[in-house]
Amino acid sequence: MARRDITGAVDFPYLEGFAAGDAGVVEEVLNLFREQAQIWSRMLEPGNPGWRDALHTIKGAARGIGAGALGDVCERAEAEGEGVLPSVHAALDAALLDIAAYQHEQMLKSLKG
């Protein structure tokens, strides 16, 4: 995976700007997001009593890293209910794939430098 695999699900220039260009901060934030996503995914199941709380948390975290579409679908699910959860899963997966591609690209750059 590398830049060519990034779909736009995450606005990395936004995140880099928010972190004032500090690659270490960007890496830490993305790693935290990925770790938390494992927990959120389990909570985003119909019938799980914490799915609304997970949505709200994901919405804020997504917008913080520049994953606008994920934040928007979480907002829609908060308003419309459990029927939107498959779309939330899909948007979360897209963001995670972009993060993996971005981090892979950063790792390759560090090997060259």
N, C-alpha and C. Protein backbone atom coordinates (compact mmCIF):
# COMPACT_ATOMS: atom_id res chain seq x y z
N MET A 1 0.84 -1.18 0.00
CA MET A 1 0.00 0.00 0.00
C MET A 1 0.88 1.24 0.00
N ALA A 2 0.43 2.23 -0.69
CA ALA A 2 1.14 3.51 -0.72
C ALA A 2 0.15 4.57 -1.17
N ARG A 3 0.65 5.75 -1.43
CA ARG A 3 -0.19 6.90 -1.77
C ARG A 3 -1.23 6.54 -2.84
N ARG A 4 -0.87 5.72 -3.79
CA ARG A 4 -1.80 5.37 -4.86
C ARG A 4 -3.03 4.64 -4.31
N ASP A 5 -2.94 4.08 -3.12
CA ASP A 5 -4.04 3.34 -2.52
C ASP A 5 -4.94 4.22 -1.65
N ILE A 6 -4.58 5.47 -1.46
CA ILE A 6 -5.37 6.37 -0.63
C ILE A 6 -6.57 6.86 -1.43
N THR A 7 -7.75 6.67 -0.87
CA THR A 7 -8.99 6.96 -1.59
C THR A 7 -9.54 8.35 -1.34
N GLY A 8 -9.08 9.00 -0.30
CA GLY A 8 -9.65 10.29 0.07
C GLY A 8 -10.60 10.19 1.25
N ALA A 9 -10.72 9.00 1.83
CA ALA A 9 -11.59 8.83 2.99
C ALA A 9 -11.06 9.62 4.19
N VAL A 10 -9.75 9.89 4.20
CA VAL A 10 -9.13 10.70 5.24
C VAL A 10 -8.35 11.81 4.56
N ASP A 11 -8.55 13.01 5.05
CA ASP A 11 -7.86 14.19 4.52
C ASP A 11 -6.55 14.36 5.30
N PHE A 12 -5.51 13.70 4.82
CA PHE A 12 -4.23 13.72 5.54
C PHE A 12 -3.59 15.11 5.59
N PRO A 13 -3.68 15.93 4.53
CA PRO A 13 -3.15 17.29 4.66
C PRO A 13 -3.82 18.07 5.80
N TYR A 14 -5.12 17.85 6.01
CA TYR A 14 -5.80 18.48 7.14
C TYR A 14 -5.17 18.03 8.45
N LEU A 15 -5.01 16.72 8.60
CA LEU A 15 -4.43 16.18 9.84
C LEU A 15 -3.01 16.67 10.04
N GLU A 16 -2.21 16.67 8.98
CA GLU A 16 -0.82 17.14 9.08
C GLU A 16 -0.79 18.62 9.49
N GLY A 17 -1.69 19.41 8.94
CA GLY A 17 -1.76 20.82 9.32
C GLY A 17 -2.19 21.01 10.76
N PHE A 18 -3.17 20.21 11.17
CA PHE A 18 -3.67 20.28 12.54
C PHE A 18 -2.56 19.92 13.53
N ALA A 19 -1.67 19.00 13.12
CA ALA A 19 -0.55 18.57 13.97
C ALA A 19 0.68 19.43 13.74
N ALA A 20 0.50 20.54 13.04
CA ALA A 20 1.60 21.48 12.76
C ALA A 20 2.79 20.78 12.08
N GLY A 21 2.47 19.78 11.25
CA GLY A 21 3.52 19.10 10.50
C GLY A 21 4.36 18.12 11.31
N ASP A 22 3.99 17.87 12.54
CA ASP A 22 4.75 16.96 13.40
C ASP A 22 4.36 15.52 13.06
N ALA A 23 5.22 14.84 12.32
CA ALA A 23 4.93 13.48 11.86
C ALA A 23 4.72 12.52 13.04
N GLY A 24 5.41 12.75 14.14
CA GLY A 24 5.25 11.89 15.31
C GLY A 24 3.85 12.00 15.90
N VAL A 25 3.33 13.21 15.93
CA VAL A 25 1.97 13.41 16.44
C VAL A 25 0.95 12.76 15.51
N VAL A 26 1.14 12.95 14.20
CA VAL A 26 0.24 12.34 13.22
C VAL A 26 0.23 10.82 13.40
N GLU A 27 1.40 10.23 13.52
CA GLU A 27 1.51 8.78 13.69
C GLU A 27 0.80 8.32 14.97
N GLU A 28 1.02 9.05 16.05
CA GLU A 28 0.39 8.68 17.32
C GLU A 28 -1.13 8.76 17.24
N VAL A 29 -1.64 9.82 16.64
CA VAL A 29 -3.08 10.00 16.50
C VAL A 29 -3.68 8.89 15.64
N LEU A 30 -3.03 8.57 14.53
CA LEU A 30 -3.54 7.51 13.66
C LEU A 30 -3.48 6.15 14.33
N ASN A 31 -2.43 5.88 15.08
CA ASN A 31 -2.35 4.61 15.81
C ASN A 31 -3.46 4.51 16.86
N LEU A 32 -3.72 5.59 17.57
CA LEU A 32 -4.82 5.58 18.55
C LEU A 32 -6.15 5.35 17.87
N PHE A 33 -6.36 6.01 16.74
CA PHE A 33 -7.61 5.83 16.00
C PHE A 33 -7.78 4.36 15.60
N ARG A 34 -6.72 3.76 15.07
CA ARG A 34 -6.79 2.36 14.65
C ARG A 34 -7.08 1.43 15.83
N GLU A 35 -6.44 1.67 16.96
CA GLU A 35 -6.67 0.84 18.15
C GLU A 35 -8.11 0.97 18.63
N GLN A 36 -8.59 2.20 18.69
CA GLN A 36 -9.95 2.43 19.15
C GLN A 36 -10.98 1.85 18.18
N ALA A 37 -10.66 1.86 16.89
CA ALA A 37 -11.59 1.34 15.89
C ALA A 37 -11.92 -0.13 16.14
N GLN A 38 -10.98 -0.88 16.69
CA GLN A 38 -11.25 -2.28 17.01
C GLN A 38 -12.36 -2.38 18.05
N ILE A 39 -12.34 -1.51 19.02
CA ILE A 39 -13.37 -1.49 20.06
C ILE A 39 -14.69 -1.00 19.48
N TRP A 40 -14.61 0.10 18.73
CA TRP A 40 -15.84 0.68 18.16
C TRP A 40 -16.56 -0.31 17.26
N SER A 41 -15.81 -1.04 16.46
CA SER A 41 -16.44 -1.99 15.52
C SER A 41 -17.33 -2.99 16.25
N ARG A 42 -16.87 -3.47 17.38
CA ARG A 42 -17.66 -4.43 18.16
C ARG A 42 -18.91 -3.78 18.74
N MET A 43 -18.82 -2.49 19.04
CA MET A 43 -19.96 -1.79 19.63
C MET A 43 -21.00 -1.40 18.59
N LEU A 44 -20.62 -1.37 17.33
CA LEU A 44 -21.52 -0.92 16.26
C LEU A 44 -22.38 -2.04 15.71
N GLU A 45 -22.91 -2.83 16.59
CA GLU A 45 -23.80 -3.91 16.19
C GLU A 45 -25.21 -3.60 16.68
N PRO A 46 -26.20 -3.82 15.81
CA PRO A 46 -27.58 -3.60 16.25
C PRO A 46 -27.85 -4.40 17.53
N GLY A 47 -28.52 -3.78 18.44
CA GLY A 47 -28.83 -4.43 19.70
C GLY A 47 -27.80 -4.18 20.78
N ASN A 48 -26.59 -3.75 20.42
CA ASN A 48 -25.58 -3.42 21.43
C ASN A 48 -26.02 -2.12 22.09
N PRO A 49 -26.16 -2.11 23.40
CA PRO A 49 -26.66 -0.91 24.07
C PRO A 49 -25.72 0.31 23.95
N GLY A 50 -24.48 0.11 23.57
CA GLY A 50 -23.54 1.22 23.48
C GLY A 50 -23.32 1.75 22.08
N TRP A 51 -24.13 1.31 21.10
CA TRP A 51 -23.86 1.71 19.72
C TRP A 51 -23.98 3.21 19.52
N ARG A 52 -24.92 3.87 20.16
CA ARG A 52 -25.06 5.33 20.00
C ARG A 52 -23.85 6.07 20.59
N ASP A 53 -23.38 5.61 21.74
CA ASP A 53 -22.19 6.22 22.34
C ASP A 53 -20.98 6.04 21.43
N ALA A 54 -20.85 4.85 20.85
CA ALA A 54 -19.74 4.59 19.93
C ALA A 54 -19.83 5.52 18.72
N LEU A 55 -21.03 5.68 18.18
CA LEU A 55 -21.21 6.58 17.03
C LEU A 55 -20.75 7.99 17.35
N HIS A 56 -21.15 8.47 18.50
CA HIS A 56 -20.80 9.83 18.88
C HIS A 56 -19.28 9.98 19.02
N THR A 57 -18.65 8.99 19.61
CA THR A 57 -17.20 9.01 19.78
C THR A 57 -16.48 8.96 18.43
N ILE A 58 -16.95 8.05 17.57
CA ILE A 58 -16.34 7.92 16.24
C ILE A 58 -16.51 9.20 15.46
N LYS A 59 -17.68 9.80 15.55
CA LYS A 59 -17.95 11.05 14.82
C LYS A 59 -16.91 12.11 15.15
N GLY A 60 -16.65 12.31 16.43
CA GLY A 60 -15.66 13.31 16.84
C GLY A 60 -14.24 12.93 16.44
N ALA A 61 -13.90 11.67 16.64
CA ALA A 61 -12.54 11.21 16.28
C ALA A 61 -12.33 11.30 14.77
N ALA A 62 -13.34 10.93 14.01
CA ALA A 62 -13.23 10.97 12.55
C ALA A 62 -13.01 12.40 12.07
N ARG A 63 -13.78 13.29 12.58
CA ARG A 63 -13.62 14.69 12.16
C ARG A 63 -12.28 15.25 12.60
N GLY A 64 -11.77 14.76 13.71
CA GLY A 64 -10.47 15.21 14.20
C GLY A 64 -9.31 14.80 13.31
N ILE A 65 -9.46 13.65 12.62
CA ILE A 65 -8.38 13.22 11.74
C ILE A 65 -8.63 13.58 10.28
N GLY A 66 -9.78 14.18 10.00
CA GLY A 66 -10.08 14.56 8.63
C GLY A 66 -10.87 13.51 7.86
N ALA A 67 -11.53 12.61 8.56
CA ALA A 67 -12.37 11.59 7.91
C ALA A 67 -13.81 12.09 7.89
N GLY A 68 -14.05 13.09 7.05
CA GLY A 68 -15.34 13.77 7.01
C GLY A 68 -16.51 12.87 6.66
N ALA A 69 -16.34 11.99 5.68
CA ALA A 69 -17.45 11.12 5.28
C ALA A 69 -17.85 10.18 6.43
N LEU A 70 -16.86 9.70 7.17
CA LEU A 70 -17.15 8.85 8.33
C LEU A 70 -17.90 9.65 9.39
N GLY A 71 -17.44 10.85 9.66
CA GLY A 71 -18.14 11.69 10.62
C GLY A 71 -19.57 11.97 10.21
N ASP A 72 -19.77 12.21 8.92
CA ASP A 72 -21.11 12.51 8.41
C ASP A 72 -22.04 11.30 8.51
N VAL A 73 -21.55 10.12 8.19
CA VAL A 73 -22.41 8.94 8.26
C VAL A 73 -22.72 8.59 9.72
N CYS A 74 -21.80 8.88 10.62
CA CYS A 74 -22.09 8.69 12.04
C CYS A 74 -23.19 9.63 12.49
N GLU A 75 -23.12 10.86 12.04
CA GLU A 75 -24.17 11.84 12.38
C GLU A 75 -25.52 11.38 11.84
N ARG A 76 -25.51 10.87 10.60
CA ARG A 76 -26.75 10.37 10.01
C ARG A 76 -27.30 9.19 10.81
N ALA A 77 -26.42 8.29 11.24
CA ALA A 77 -26.86 7.13 12.02
C ALA A 77 -27.41 7.55 13.38
N GLU A 78 -26.82 8.59 13.97
CA GLU A 78 -27.37 9.09 15.24
C GLU A 78 -28.81 9.54 15.06
N ALA A 79 -29.09 10.16 13.91
CA ALA A 79 -30.43 10.69 13.64
C ALA A 79 -31.41 9.62 13.16
N GLU A 80 -30.90 8.69 12.33
CA GLU A 80 -31.80 7.74 11.66
C GLU A 80 -31.86 6.37 12.31
N GLY A 81 -30.86 6.01 13.09
CA GLY A 81 -30.93 4.75 13.82
C GLY A 81 -30.05 3.64 13.28
N GLU A 82 -30.28 2.45 13.83
CA GLU A 82 -29.44 1.28 13.59
C GLU A 82 -29.34 0.86 12.13
N GLY A 83 -30.31 1.20 11.33
CA GLY A 83 -30.30 0.81 9.93
C GLY A 83 -29.13 1.38 9.15
N VAL A 84 -28.49 2.42 9.67
CA VAL A 84 -27.37 3.07 9.00
C VAL A 84 -26.03 2.45 9.43
N LEU A 85 -26.05 1.57 10.42
CA LEU A 85 -24.81 0.99 10.92
C LEU A 85 -23.97 0.29 9.85
N PRO A 86 -24.54 -0.42 8.88
CA PRO A 86 -23.69 -0.99 7.83
C PRO A 86 -22.91 0.08 7.06
N SER A 87 -23.51 1.23 6.85
CA SER A 87 -22.81 2.33 6.18
C SER A 87 -21.69 2.89 7.06
N VAL A 88 -21.91 2.89 8.35
CA VAL A 88 -20.87 3.35 9.28
C VAL A 88 -19.69 2.38 9.22
N HIS A 89 -19.97 1.08 9.25
CA HIS A 89 -18.91 0.08 9.15
C HIS A 89 -18.11 0.27 7.85
N ALA A 90 -18.81 0.49 6.75
CA ALA A 90 -18.14 0.65 5.46
C ALA A 90 -17.25 1.90 5.46
N ALA A 91 -17.75 2.99 6.02
CA ALA A 91 -16.96 4.23 6.06
C ALA A 91 -15.77 4.09 7.01
N LEU A 92 -15.96 3.38 8.11
CA LEU A 92 -14.86 3.14 9.04
C LEU A 92 -13.79 2.27 8.37
N ASP A 93 -14.22 1.25 7.65
CA ASP A 93 -13.26 0.41 6.93
C ASP A 93 -12.48 1.21 5.89
N ALA A 94 -13.17 2.10 5.17
CA ALA A 94 -12.51 2.94 4.16
C ALA A 94 -11.46 3.83 4.81
N ALA A 95 -11.81 4.43 5.94
CA ALA A 95 -10.86 5.28 6.65
C ALA A 95 -9.66 4.47 7.12
N LEU A 96 -9.90 3.28 7.65
CA LEU A 96 -8.80 2.44 8.13
C LEU A 96 -7.89 2.00 6.99
N LEU A 97 -8.45 1.72 5.82
CA LEU A 97 -7.62 1.36 4.67
C LEU A 97 -6.76 2.54 4.24
N ASP A 98 -7.34 3.74 4.25
CA ASP A 98 -6.55 4.93 3.91
C ASP A 98 -5.43 5.15 4.92
N ILE A 99 -5.74 4.95 6.19
CA ILE A 99 -4.73 5.12 7.23
C ILE A 99 -3.59 4.11 7.02
N ALA A 100 -3.94 2.88 6.72
CA ALA A 100 -2.92 1.85 6.49
C ALA A 100 -2.03 2.23 5.30
N ALA A 101 -2.64 2.72 4.22
CA ALA A 101 -1.87 3.12 3.04
C ALA A 101 -0.97 4.31 3.36
N TYR A 102 -1.49 5.28 4.10
CA TYR A 102 -0.71 6.45 4.48
C TYR A 102 0.47 6.05 5.35
N GLN A 103 0.22 5.22 6.36
CA GLN A 103 1.29 4.81 7.26
C GLN A 103 2.33 3.97 6.53
N HIS A 104 1.89 3.17 5.59
CA HIS A 104 2.83 2.39 4.79
C HIS A 104 3.72 3.32 3.97
N GLU A 105 3.11 4.32 3.37
CA GLU A 105 3.89 5.28 2.59
C GLU A 105 4.91 6.01 3.47
N GLN A 106 4.50 6.39 4.67
CA GLN A 106 5.40 7.08 5.58
C GLN A 106 6.57 6.18 5.98
N MET A 107 6.27 4.90 6.18
CA MET A 107 7.33 3.95 6.53
C MET A 107 8.32 3.81 5.38
N LEU A 108 7.81 3.74 4.15
CA LEU A 108 8.70 3.64 2.99
C LEU A 108 9.57 4.88 2.86
N LYS A 109 8.99 6.05 3.11
CA LYS A 109 9.77 7.29 3.06
C LYS A 109 10.91 7.27 4.09
N SER A 110 10.61 6.74 5.28
CA SER A 110 11.64 6.72 6.32
C SER A 110 12.78 5.78 5.95
N LEU A 111 12.49 4.74 5.20
CA LEU A 111 13.53 3.81 4.77
C LEU A 111 14.45 4.44 3.72
N LYS A 112 13.89 5.32 2.91
CA LYS A 112 14.66 5.98 1.87
C LYS A 112 15.52 7.10 2.43
N GLY A 113 15.04 7.72 3.50
CA GLY A 113 15.72 8.89 4.05
C GLY A 113 16.81 8.52 4.94
